[in-house]
Amino acid sequence: MSQLNEKLVQPRESSGAMPQNLSEARKLLINFVTMTVCFSLNHASVTSCIALATSSGLPGNLGSYSVAVLYACYVVTAMLFSQVIIFYCSQKGSLTGSLAVYALYVASYLVAALVESDTVKWVAVLFGASIGGIGAGVLWTAQGAYYSENARLYALAKGVTKEEATGYFGSIFACFYLGFEVLLKIIGSVVGLYATGDAAKYAIYILYTAIAIGSTVGMTTVRNMRAEDTVGGDGVTIEKIDMTKKVLSALKLLFTNAKCALMVPTNFAFGFAAAFITAYIQGSVVSPVYSDDGHTDDEVADSQSQHDARVLLYSSIAVGVATAMSMPFFYLKKQAGTAVVMVLGAICFVFVAAMSYALDDGELRHALWIVYIVYGCGRSIWESTTKAVFADFFPDDPQAAFANIVLQSGLASTVAFFVFPDLSPLQKEVILGVTATLGAICFSIASFIHQGEQKAKEVEGGYMSVNDDNQV
């Protein structure tokens, strides 16, 4: 989390500072936990529906296209409108509103499961994806702003530094956020396994819709934090600004800084890998789904329910592995260097493509647990190490740097979910494998450039120091 505006940061003057208001600190901690639980439950419901999008029996390529629309709306909103919305609606209002439209996104899948008309399914799911993407674009910036302000007030009340408070809150958030995503997917998998007949069509979506609505209601109970002078999730102060400032700064960095341009294949590889897993593996490989020909309606529904259950179970494996491997990769980075971890992340995505190429669907189906473990490792590296690389590469322009992560990975996911349904398995495997390989090569070049820049700064700093000494 980026540092707060200096006029808001009031760290304790010494390590011996006494707590100012323990009762208030306890209330602020409970408030943050409430926000985190509501946020995490709602978001877990959404990610579970995304996992099921291409495997939930939707007509044609609706599932994949809906995820593409979700990502497209997310990128546009995050880059252009999120800060303005938060400025006018407040952090709490933006959080609550975003969770509300997320709930509508989840509910759109329930509508699609209940109705028979394909036209209604298309309208419901695409509408839900559109507003869900808008909500996602606002949600993360609002969450970051709320997180920072809550931590700042807690630090003042508890008598600790802002860094200690944000670190403590970060651990709490990660625990609930990742834990609930795994838990809800496992629960959904169990529901899918045991639901039969007509209930199998919509039982999972009733569960997720209820959780999404309940968590939205819960978010209305948290404190309202002011938006002014509080940094957002991407390190930018929430203020009324030119809507084009964020996207223009991101594009300027992309087209004028070679390191940023060289990171494009890495971010595209992650976006393509997510689409490869969701649109192809989960849509076509996980388990067969019966058609209407030669099977009763109950048999078709049961096969779909079993398929959905397996999708959620495998998806939970990827999330669990990504969570569990974050610390081992952190220690590996310290011991072997960032380059080793980044190349390992690329190898993970190449391995996923290679496994798919080497095995036919029947054989791959029996080895999916390996695919999801390796994919989880790749995701873990992208979520942590890759984002840390951007912070290291561009310390003087963090807003533009992290906006590029949103822009590049979001654009890749949007394109992939639109295009992948019309490509053959081989074409998708080649795209993922080649992009991941290019990511490793281009990162190595970017790292070489960065090291050269750092050495030049050290030389310049030493030269300036000598000159300063001579002037004394």
Protein backbone atom coordinates (compact mmCIF):
# COMPACT_ATOMS: atom_id res chain seq x y z
CA MET A 1 0.00 0.00 0.00
CA SER A 2 1.39 3.38 -1.01
CA GLN A 3 2.16 6.04 1.56
CA LEU A 4 -0.54 8.45 2.62
CA ASN A 5 -0.43 12.14 1.86
CA GLU A 6 2.12 13.66 4.23
CA LYS A 7 -0.40 15.91 5.91
CA LEU A 8 -2.32 12.85 7.00
CA VAL A 9 0.59 10.75 8.21
CA GLN A 10 1.11 11.24 11.91
CA PRO A 11 3.43 8.44 13.07
CA ARG A 12 4.28 8.06 16.69
CA GLU A 13 7.34 10.07 17.72
CA SER A 14 9.04 7.21 19.51
CA SER A 15 8.73 3.50 20.03
CA GLY A 16 7.56 4.23 23.55
CA ALA A 17 4.39 6.06 22.50
CA MET A 18 1.40 5.13 24.66
CA PRO A 19 -1.93 4.03 23.16
CA GLN A 20 -4.27 6.98 22.77
CA ASN A 21 -7.65 5.27 22.75
CA LEU A 22 -7.82 1.48 22.99
CA SER A 23 -11.61 1.43 22.82
CA GLU A 24 -11.57 3.40 19.57
CA ALA A 25 -8.79 1.20 18.20
CA ARG A 26 -10.87 -1.91 18.93
CA LYS A 27 -13.88 -0.40 17.14
CA LEU A 28 -11.74 0.51 14.13
CA LEU A 29 -10.33 -3.02 14.01
CA ILE A 30 -13.82 -4.53 14.13
CA ASN A 31 -14.89 -2.10 11.41
CA PHE A 32 -12.02 -3.17 9.16
CA VAL A 33 -12.73 -6.86 9.75
CA THR A 34 -16.40 -6.26 8.88
CA MET A 35 -15.44 -4.49 5.65
CA THR A 36 -12.98 -7.26 4.81
CA VAL A 37 -15.45 -10.09 5.43
CA CYS A 38 -18.17 -8.44 3.34
CA PHE A 39 -15.74 -7.60 0.54
CA SER A 40 -14.20 -11.07 0.52
CA LEU A 41 -17.49 -12.99 0.57
CA ASN A 42 -18.91 -10.91 -2.26
CA HIS A 43 -15.77 -11.12 -4.35
CA ALA A 44 -15.51 -14.88 -3.77
CA SER A 45 -19.05 -15.28 -5.12
CA VAL A 46 -18.05 -13.36 -8.25
CA THR A 47 -14.85 -15.31 -8.88
CA SER A 48 -16.77 -18.56 -8.45
CA CYS A 49 -19.23 -17.49 -11.13
CA ILE A 50 -16.36 -16.48 -13.41
CA ALA A 51 -14.87 -19.94 -12.93
CA LEU A 52 -18.20 -21.45 -13.99
CA ALA A 53 -18.89 -19.01 -16.84
CA THR A 54 -17.66 -21.17 -19.70
CA SER A 55 -18.86 -24.45 -18.20
CA SER A 56 -22.32 -23.59 -16.92
CA GLY A 57 -24.36 -24.67 -19.92
CA LEU A 58 -24.86 -21.17 -21.33
CA PRO A 59 -25.75 -21.06 -25.05
CA GLY A 60 -22.98 -20.74 -27.63
CA ASN A 61 -19.95 -18.77 -26.52
CA LEU A 62 -21.91 -16.60 -24.10
CA GLY A 63 -19.85 -17.67 -21.09
CA SER A 64 -16.52 -16.67 -22.60
CA TYR A 65 -17.89 -13.49 -24.18
CA SER A 66 -19.43 -12.42 -20.88
CA VAL A 67 -16.07 -12.65 -19.10
CA ALA A 68 -14.52 -10.62 -21.94
CA VAL A 69 -17.17 -7.93 -21.46
CA LEU A 70 -16.53 -8.00 -17.70
CA TYR A 71 -12.80 -7.39 -18.19
CA ALA A 72 -13.36 -4.71 -20.84
CA CYS A 73 -15.71 -2.72 -18.60
CA TYR A 74 -13.33 -3.19 -15.68
CA VAL A 75 -10.36 -1.75 -17.58
CA VAL A 76 -12.28 1.24 -18.95
CA THR A 77 -13.82 2.07 -15.56
CA ALA A 78 -10.59 1.61 -13.60
CA MET A 79 -8.60 3.74 -16.03
CA LEU A 80 -11.10 6.57 -16.56
CA PHE A 81 -13.91 6.79 -14.04
CA SER A 82 -13.06 5.13 -10.71
CA GLN A 83 -11.56 8.14 -8.95
CA VAL A 84 -14.33 10.50 -10.02
CA ILE A 85 -17.01 8.06 -8.83
CA ILE A 86 -15.32 7.64 -5.45
CA PHE A 87 -14.86 11.39 -5.09
CA TYR A 88 -18.61 12.01 -5.47
CA CYS A 89 -19.98 8.84 -3.84
CA SER A 90 -17.54 8.49 -0.89
CA GLN A 91 -15.49 5.40 -0.14
CA LYS A 92 -18.26 3.58 1.70
CA GLY A 93 -20.81 4.48 -0.96
CA SER A 94 -18.50 3.27 -3.70
CA LEU A 95 -17.77 0.01 -1.87
CA THR A 96 -21.45 -0.67 -1.20
CA GLY A 97 -22.50 0.26 -4.73
CA SER A 98 -19.77 -1.88 -6.27
CA LEU A 99 -20.77 -4.90 -4.18
CA ALA A 100 -24.40 -4.30 -5.17
CA VAL A 101 -23.65 -4.45 -8.89
CA TYR A 102 -21.40 -7.44 -8.24
CA ALA A 103 -24.45 -9.11 -6.67
CA LEU A 104 -26.42 -8.33 -9.83
CA TYR A 105 -23.66 -9.95 -11.86
CA VAL A 106 -23.93 -13.12 -9.78
CA ALA A 107 -27.72 -13.02 -9.98
CA SER A 108 -27.56 -12.82 -13.79
CA TYR A 109 -26.28 -16.42 -13.80
CA LEU A 110 -29.19 -17.47 -11.62
CA VAL A 111 -31.59 -15.85 -14.10
CA ALA A 112 -29.86 -17.68 -16.96
CA ALA A 113 -30.21 -20.97 -15.09
CA LEU A 114 -33.91 -20.46 -14.41
CA VAL A 115 -35.14 -19.34 -17.86
CA GLU A 116 -35.38 -21.43 -21.01
CA SER A 117 -35.07 -18.65 -23.60
CA ASP A 118 -31.57 -18.28 -25.03
CA THR A 119 -32.29 -14.65 -25.82
CA VAL A 120 -33.06 -13.90 -22.18
CA LYS A 121 -29.90 -15.75 -21.13
CA TRP A 122 -27.77 -13.59 -23.45
CA VAL A 123 -29.37 -10.34 -22.30
CA ALA A 124 -29.20 -11.21 -18.59
CA VAL A 125 -25.60 -12.44 -18.53
CA LEU A 126 -24.16 -9.70 -20.76
CA PHE A 127 -25.97 -7.01 -18.78
CA GLY A 128 -24.66 -8.52 -15.54
CA ALA A 129 -21.13 -8.69 -16.96
CA SER A 130 -21.26 -5.05 -18.06
CA ILE A 131 -22.32 -3.62 -14.72
CA GLY A 132 -20.14 -6.13 -12.88
CA GLY A 133 -17.11 -4.87 -14.78
CA ILE A 134 -18.00 -1.28 -13.90
CA GLY A 135 -18.29 -2.28 -10.25
CA ALA A 136 -14.92 -4.05 -10.38
CA GLY A 137 -13.27 -0.96 -11.82
CA VAL A 138 -14.45 1.13 -8.86
CA LEU A 139 -14.21 -1.53 -6.16
CA TRP A 140 -10.47 -2.00 -5.91
CA THR A 141 -9.59 1.69 -5.83
CA ALA A 142 -12.31 2.29 -3.24
CA GLN A 143 -11.12 -0.65 -1.15
CA GLY A 144 -7.56 0.65 -1.18
CA ALA A 145 -8.68 4.12 -0.12
CA TYR A 146 -10.87 2.76 2.68
CA TYR A 147 -8.07 0.42 3.80
CA SER A 148 -5.60 3.31 4.07
CA GLU A 149 -7.88 5.63 6.01
CA ASN A 150 -9.04 2.90 8.40
CA ALA A 151 -5.41 1.92 9.04
CA ARG A 152 -4.39 5.55 9.60
CA LEU A 153 -7.09 6.11 12.20
CA TYR A 154 -6.31 2.78 13.87
CA ALA A 155 -2.62 3.72 14.09
CA LEU A 156 -3.50 7.00 15.82
CA ALA A 157 -5.87 5.33 18.26
CA LYS A 158 -3.57 2.38 19.02
CA GLY A 159 -0.40 4.44 19.25
CA VAL A 160 1.52 2.55 16.56
CA THR A 161 3.07 3.62 13.28
CA LYS A 162 1.06 3.72 10.10
CA GLU A 163 3.36 1.05 8.63
CA GLU A 164 2.61 -1.32 11.53
CA ALA A 165 -1.12 -0.75 11.14
CA THR A 166 -1.18 -1.28 7.38
CA GLY A 167 0.96 -4.42 7.71
CA TYR A 168 -1.39 -5.84 10.34
CA PHE A 169 -4.46 -4.97 8.29
CA GLY A 170 -2.83 -6.43 5.18
CA SER A 171 -2.42 -9.79 6.88
CA ILE A 172 -6.05 -9.75 8.01
CA PHE A 173 -7.29 -8.86 4.54
CA ALA A 174 -5.21 -11.53 2.77
CA CYS A 175 -6.42 -14.20 5.18
CA PHE A 176 -10.12 -13.50 4.64
CA TYR A 177 -9.84 -12.63 0.95
CA LEU A 178 -8.06 -15.78 -0.15
CA GLY A 179 -9.62 -18.00 2.49
CA PHE A 180 -13.19 -17.18 1.48
CA GLU A 181 -12.41 -17.64 -2.22
CA VAL A 182 -11.19 -21.18 -1.55
CA LEU A 183 -14.02 -21.91 0.92
CA LEU A 184 -16.86 -20.76 -1.34
CA LYS A 185 -15.54 -22.74 -4.28
CA ILE A 186 -15.29 -25.87 -2.15
CA ILE A 187 -18.81 -25.30 -0.76
CA GLY A 188 -20.11 -24.75 -4.30
CA SER A 189 -18.40 -27.96 -5.38
CA VAL A 190 -20.12 -29.90 -2.59
CA VAL A 191 -23.49 -28.40 -3.49
CA GLY A 192 -22.95 -29.37 -7.13
CA LEU A 193 -22.04 -32.93 -6.20
CA TYR A 194 -25.14 -33.53 -4.10
CA ALA A 195 -27.76 -31.46 -5.93
CA THR A 196 -29.87 -33.55 -8.31
CA GLY A 197 -32.68 -33.03 -10.79
CA ASP A 198 -33.98 -29.51 -11.43
CA ALA A 199 -32.23 -28.19 -8.32
CA ALA A 200 -28.88 -29.06 -9.89
CA LYS A 201 -29.41 -26.31 -12.50
CA TYR A 202 -29.53 -23.43 -10.10
CA ALA A 203 -28.61 -24.51 -6.55
CA ILE A 204 -25.06 -23.14 -6.81
CA TYR A 205 -26.26 -19.79 -8.14
CA ILE A 206 -28.89 -19.44 -5.42
CA LEU A 207 -26.11 -19.94 -2.87
CA TYR A 208 -23.75 -17.40 -4.44
CA THR A 209 -26.49 -14.84 -5.06
CA ALA A 210 -27.62 -15.04 -1.43
CA ILE A 211 -24.04 -14.57 -0.21
CA ALA A 212 -23.45 -11.65 -2.57
CA ILE A 213 -26.63 -9.87 -1.47
CA GLY A 214 -25.99 -10.55 2.20
CA SER A 215 -22.44 -9.21 2.04
CA THR A 216 -23.68 -6.08 0.28
CA VAL A 217 -26.15 -5.45 3.07
CA GLY A 218 -23.37 -6.05 5.59
CA MET A 219 -21.19 -3.40 3.92
CA THR A 220 -23.82 -0.75 4.73
CA THR A 221 -22.94 -1.16 8.44
CA VAL A 222 -19.30 -0.05 8.21
CA ARG A 223 -18.12 3.47 8.96
CA ASN A 224 -18.03 6.10 6.29
CA MET A 225 -14.46 7.22 5.59
CA ARG A 226 -13.86 10.49 3.81
CA ALA A 227 -12.45 10.29 0.30
CA GLU A 228 -10.44 13.51 0.41
CA ASP A 229 -6.73 13.22 1.10
CA THR A 230 -6.78 9.42 1.22
CA VAL A 231 -4.74 7.35 -1.19
CA GLY A 232 -6.43 4.81 -3.42
CA GLY A 233 -5.59 1.19 -4.11
CA ASP A 234 -3.13 2.09 -6.85
CA GLY A 235 -1.31 4.72 -4.85
CA VAL A 236 -3.10 7.81 -6.17
CA THR A 237 -4.85 10.40 -3.98
CA ILE A 238 -8.61 10.30 -4.31
CA GLU A 239 -9.44 13.73 -5.64
CA LYS A 240 -11.49 15.30 -8.37
CA ILE A 241 -9.13 14.97 -11.33
CA ASP A 242 -9.11 14.95 -15.09
CA MET A 243 -10.52 11.56 -16.06
CA THR A 244 -7.90 11.13 -18.78
CA LYS A 245 -4.92 11.76 -16.49
CA LYS A 246 -4.54 8.17 -15.36
CA VAL A 247 -4.80 6.54 -18.77
CA LEU A 248 -2.59 9.13 -20.45
CA SER A 249 0.13 8.71 -17.82
CA ALA A 250 -0.04 4.93 -18.30
CA LEU A 251 0.21 5.21 -22.08
CA LYS A 252 3.06 7.71 -21.84
CA LEU A 253 5.05 5.31 -19.66
CA LEU A 254 4.25 2.40 -21.98
CA PHE A 255 5.41 4.17 -25.15
CA THR A 256 8.35 6.11 -23.76
CA ASN A 257 9.91 3.61 -21.34
CA ALA A 258 11.44 0.46 -22.81
CA LYS A 259 11.15 -1.45 -19.53
CA CYS A 260 7.38 -0.93 -19.42
CA ALA A 261 6.97 -2.04 -23.03
CA LEU A 262 9.12 -5.12 -22.36
CA MET A 263 6.80 -6.17 -19.52
CA VAL A 264 3.83 -6.46 -21.91
CA PRO A 265 4.43 -10.15 -22.78
CA THR A 266 4.56 -11.06 -19.07
CA ASN A 267 1.20 -9.43 -18.35
CA PHE A 268 -0.29 -10.81 -21.56
CA ALA A 269 0.89 -14.30 -20.61
CA PHE A 270 -1.03 -14.09 -17.34
CA GLY A 271 -4.16 -12.82 -19.09
CA PHE A 272 -3.91 -15.55 -21.72
CA ALA A 273 -3.27 -18.22 -19.07
CA ALA A 274 -6.40 -17.19 -17.14
CA ALA A 275 -8.46 -17.37 -20.32
CA PHE A 276 -6.87 -20.68 -21.31
CA ILE A 277 -7.83 -22.24 -17.99
CA THR A 278 -11.31 -20.72 -17.81
CA ALA A 279 -12.42 -20.70 -21.45
CA TYR A 280 -10.80 -23.96 -22.56
CA ILE A 281 -9.82 -26.30 -19.72
CA GLN A 282 -12.87 -25.57 -17.55
CA GLY A 283 -15.18 -25.26 -20.53
CA SER A 284 -14.21 -28.38 -22.46
CA VAL A 285 -11.81 -30.66 -20.60
CA VAL A 286 -12.75 -30.98 -16.93
CA SER A 287 -15.55 -33.50 -17.47
CA PRO A 288 -18.05 -34.39 -20.20
CA VAL A 289 -21.53 -32.89 -20.13
CA TYR A 290 -24.39 -34.90 -21.67
CA SER A 291 -26.42 -33.45 -24.51
CA ASP A 292 -30.17 -33.81 -24.85
CA ASP A 293 -29.76 -36.59 -27.41
CA GLY A 294 -30.29 -39.96 -25.77
CA HIS A 295 -30.41 -38.60 -22.21
CA THR A 296 -33.21 -37.47 -19.93
CA ASP A 297 -33.39 -33.92 -18.62
CA ASP A 298 -32.36 -35.09 -15.17
CA GLU A 299 -29.30 -36.89 -16.58
CA VAL A 300 -28.25 -33.78 -18.49
CA ALA A 301 -28.75 -31.61 -15.40
CA ASP A 302 -26.82 -34.05 -13.20
CA SER A 303 -23.88 -34.19 -15.63
CA GLN A 304 -23.77 -30.38 -15.74
CA SER A 305 -23.90 -30.22 -11.95
CA GLN A 306 -21.06 -32.74 -11.65
CA HIS A 307 -19.04 -30.74 -14.17
CA ASP A 308 -19.59 -27.48 -12.27
CA ALA A 309 -18.57 -29.18 -9.02
CA ARG A 310 -15.29 -30.34 -10.52
CA VAL A 311 -14.61 -26.90 -12.02
CA LEU A 312 -15.01 -25.23 -8.63
CA LEU A 313 -12.87 -27.87 -6.92
CA TYR A 314 -10.01 -27.50 -9.40
CA SER A 315 -10.31 -23.73 -9.29
CA SER A 316 -10.00 -23.81 -5.50
CA ILE A 317 -6.80 -25.83 -5.89
CA ALA A 318 -5.26 -23.08 -8.03
CA VAL A 319 -6.21 -20.38 -5.52
CA GLY A 320 -5.00 -22.45 -2.58
CA VAL A 321 -1.65 -23.16 -4.24
CA ALA A 322 -1.22 -19.50 -5.19
CA THR A 323 -1.77 -18.55 -1.56
CA ALA A 324 0.44 -21.26 -0.08
CA MET A 325 3.34 -20.58 -2.46
CA SER A 326 3.51 -16.81 -1.95
CA MET A 327 5.97 -17.03 0.95
CA PRO A 328 8.18 -19.79 -0.55
CA PHE A 329 8.52 -17.72 -3.73
CA PHE A 330 9.32 -14.67 -1.61
CA TYR A 331 12.19 -16.53 0.07
CA LEU A 332 13.34 -17.93 -3.27
CA LYS A 333 13.45 -14.40 -4.61
CA LYS A 334 15.63 -13.32 -1.69
CA GLN A 335 18.01 -16.24 -2.14
CA ALA A 336 18.18 -16.66 -5.92
CA GLY A 337 17.05 -13.26 -7.22
CA THR A 338 13.99 -11.86 -8.93
CA ALA A 339 14.99 -13.11 -12.38
CA VAL A 340 14.88 -16.75 -11.29
CA VAL A 341 11.36 -16.40 -9.89
CA MET A 342 10.08 -14.49 -12.92
CA VAL A 343 11.45 -17.09 -15.34
CA LEU A 344 9.93 -19.82 -13.18
CA GLY A 345 6.55 -18.09 -13.49
CA ALA A 346 6.86 -18.11 -17.28
CA ILE A 347 7.84 -21.78 -17.20
CA CYS A 348 4.66 -22.55 -15.24
CA PHE A 349 2.48 -21.13 -18.02
CA VAL A 350 4.52 -22.88 -20.71
CA PHE A 351 4.08 -26.14 -18.78
CA VAL A 352 0.29 -25.69 -18.75
CA ALA A 353 0.28 -25.23 -22.54
CA ALA A 354 2.67 -28.16 -23.02
CA MET A 355 0.56 -30.51 -20.88
CA SER A 356 -2.51 -29.63 -22.91
CA TYR A 357 -0.63 -30.22 -26.16
CA ALA A 358 0.93 -33.52 -25.11
CA LEU A 359 -2.25 -35.17 -23.81
CA ASP A 360 -5.65 -35.66 -25.35
CA ASP A 361 -8.71 -34.58 -23.37
CA GLY A 362 -9.23 -37.97 -21.75
CA GLU A 363 -5.63 -38.25 -20.57
CA LEU A 364 -5.45 -34.61 -19.54
CA ARG A 365 -8.59 -35.04 -17.46
CA HIS A 366 -6.70 -37.44 -15.19
CA ALA A 367 -3.76 -35.03 -14.79
CA LEU A 368 -5.68 -31.81 -14.22
CA TRP A 369 -4.60 -31.59 -10.61
CA ILE A 370 -1.01 -31.15 -11.83
CA VAL A 371 -2.10 -28.49 -14.33
CA TYR A 372 -3.94 -26.51 -11.65
CA ILE A 373 -1.08 -26.76 -9.16
CA VAL A 374 1.40 -25.45 -11.73
CA TYR A 375 -1.01 -22.75 -12.87
CA GLY A 376 -1.49 -21.74 -9.22
CA CYS A 377 2.29 -21.34 -8.90
CA GLY A 378 2.37 -19.12 -11.98
CA ARG A 379 -0.50 -17.04 -10.68
CA SER A 380 1.22 -16.66 -7.31
CA ILE A 381 4.35 -15.28 -8.97
CA TRP A 382 2.37 -12.86 -11.13
CA GLU A 383 0.28 -11.61 -8.20
CA SER A 384 3.31 -10.92 -6.01
CA THR A 385 6.68 -10.85 -7.76
CA THR A 386 5.54 -9.27 -11.03
CA LYS A 387 3.77 -6.44 -9.22
CA ALA A 388 6.85 -5.94 -7.04
CA VAL A 389 8.94 -5.71 -10.22
CA PHE A 390 6.78 -2.83 -11.46
CA ALA A 391 7.27 -1.07 -8.12
CA ASP A 392 11.05 -1.54 -8.40
CA PHE A 393 11.27 -0.57 -12.08
CA PHE A 394 9.21 2.61 -11.76
CA PRO A 395 9.59 4.04 -8.22
CA ASP A 396 9.10 7.62 -9.43
CA ASP A 397 5.80 6.94 -11.20
CA PRO A 398 3.86 4.22 -9.30
CA GLN A 399 0.45 5.40 -10.51
CA ALA A 400 1.35 4.95 -14.18
CA ALA A 401 3.20 1.70 -13.44
CA PHE A 402 0.30 -0.04 -11.71
CA ALA A 403 -2.17 1.41 -14.20
CA ASN A 404 -0.15 -0.44 -16.84
CA ILE A 405 -0.66 -3.72 -15.00
CA VAL A 406 -4.42 -3.15 -15.12
CA LEU A 407 -4.27 -2.03 -18.75
CA GLN A 408 -2.02 -4.79 -20.06
CA SER A 409 -3.41 -7.81 -18.19
CA GLY A 410 -7.00 -6.59 -18.55
CA LEU A 411 -6.61 -6.04 -22.29
CA ALA A 412 -5.06 -9.48 -22.70
CA SER A 413 -7.92 -11.16 -20.84
CA THR A 414 -10.52 -9.22 -22.81
CA VAL A 415 -9.00 -10.22 -26.16
CA ALA A 416 -8.44 -13.84 -25.12
CA PHE A 417 -11.98 -14.43 -23.86
CA PHE A 418 -13.37 -12.98 -27.09
CA VAL A 419 -11.02 -14.86 -29.41
CA PHE A 420 -10.24 -18.19 -27.75
CA PRO A 421 -13.68 -19.82 -28.36
CA ASP A 422 -13.04 -19.65 -32.12
CA LEU A 423 -9.50 -21.04 -31.98
CA SER A 424 -8.40 -24.65 -32.04
CA PRO A 425 -6.76 -26.14 -28.94
CA LEU A 426 -3.39 -26.11 -30.71
CA GLN A 427 -3.68 -22.41 -31.55
CA LYS A 428 -4.48 -21.56 -27.94
CA GLU A 429 -1.59 -23.68 -26.69
CA VAL A 430 0.85 -22.01 -29.08
CA ILE A 431 -0.34 -18.52 -28.14
CA LEU A 432 0.06 -19.19 -24.43
CA GLY A 433 3.41 -20.97 -24.75
CA VAL A 434 4.97 -18.39 -27.08
CA THR A 435 3.71 -15.42 -25.05
CA ALA A 436 5.03 -16.85 -21.79
CA THR A 437 8.41 -17.58 -23.38
CA LEU A 438 8.59 -14.04 -24.76
CA GLY A 439 7.69 -12.81 -21.28
CA ALA A 440 10.76 -14.47 -19.78
CA ILE A 441 13.05 -13.16 -22.53
CA CYS A 442 11.68 -9.62 -22.46
CA PHE A 443 11.81 -9.47 -18.66
CA SER A 444 15.49 -10.46 -18.77
CA ILE A 445 16.16 -7.58 -21.17
CA ALA A 446 14.16 -5.15 -19.01
CA SER A 447 16.05 -6.31 -15.93
CA PHE A 448 19.36 -5.73 -17.72
CA ILE A 449 18.28 -2.19 -18.62
CA HIS A 450 17.18 -1.55 -15.04
CA GLN A 451 20.49 -2.74 -13.63
CA GLY A 452 22.31 -0.42 -16.02
CA GLU A 453 20.17 2.50 -14.87
CA GLN A 454 20.85 1.70 -11.22
CA LYS A 455 24.61 1.55 -11.82
CA ALA A 456 24.46 4.88 -13.66
CA LYS A 457 22.63 6.44 -10.71
CA GLU A 458 25.22 5.08 -8.30
CA VAL A 459 28.04 6.52 -10.39
CA GLU A 460 26.24 9.85 -10.68
CA GLY A 461 25.56 9.86 -6.94
CA GLY A 462 29.22 9.18 -6.19
CA TYR A 463 30.29 11.93 -8.57
CA MET A 464 27.93 14.42 -6.94
CA SER A 465 29.15 13.36 -3.49
CA VAL A 466 32.78 14.01 -4.47
CA ASN A 467 31.89 17.41 -5.88
CA ASP A 468 29.98 18.29 -2.72
CA ASP A 469 32.98 17.28 -0.58
CA ASN A 470 35.27 19.46 -2.69
CA GLN A 471 33.02 22.45 -2.15
CA VAL A 472 33.11 22.10 1.63
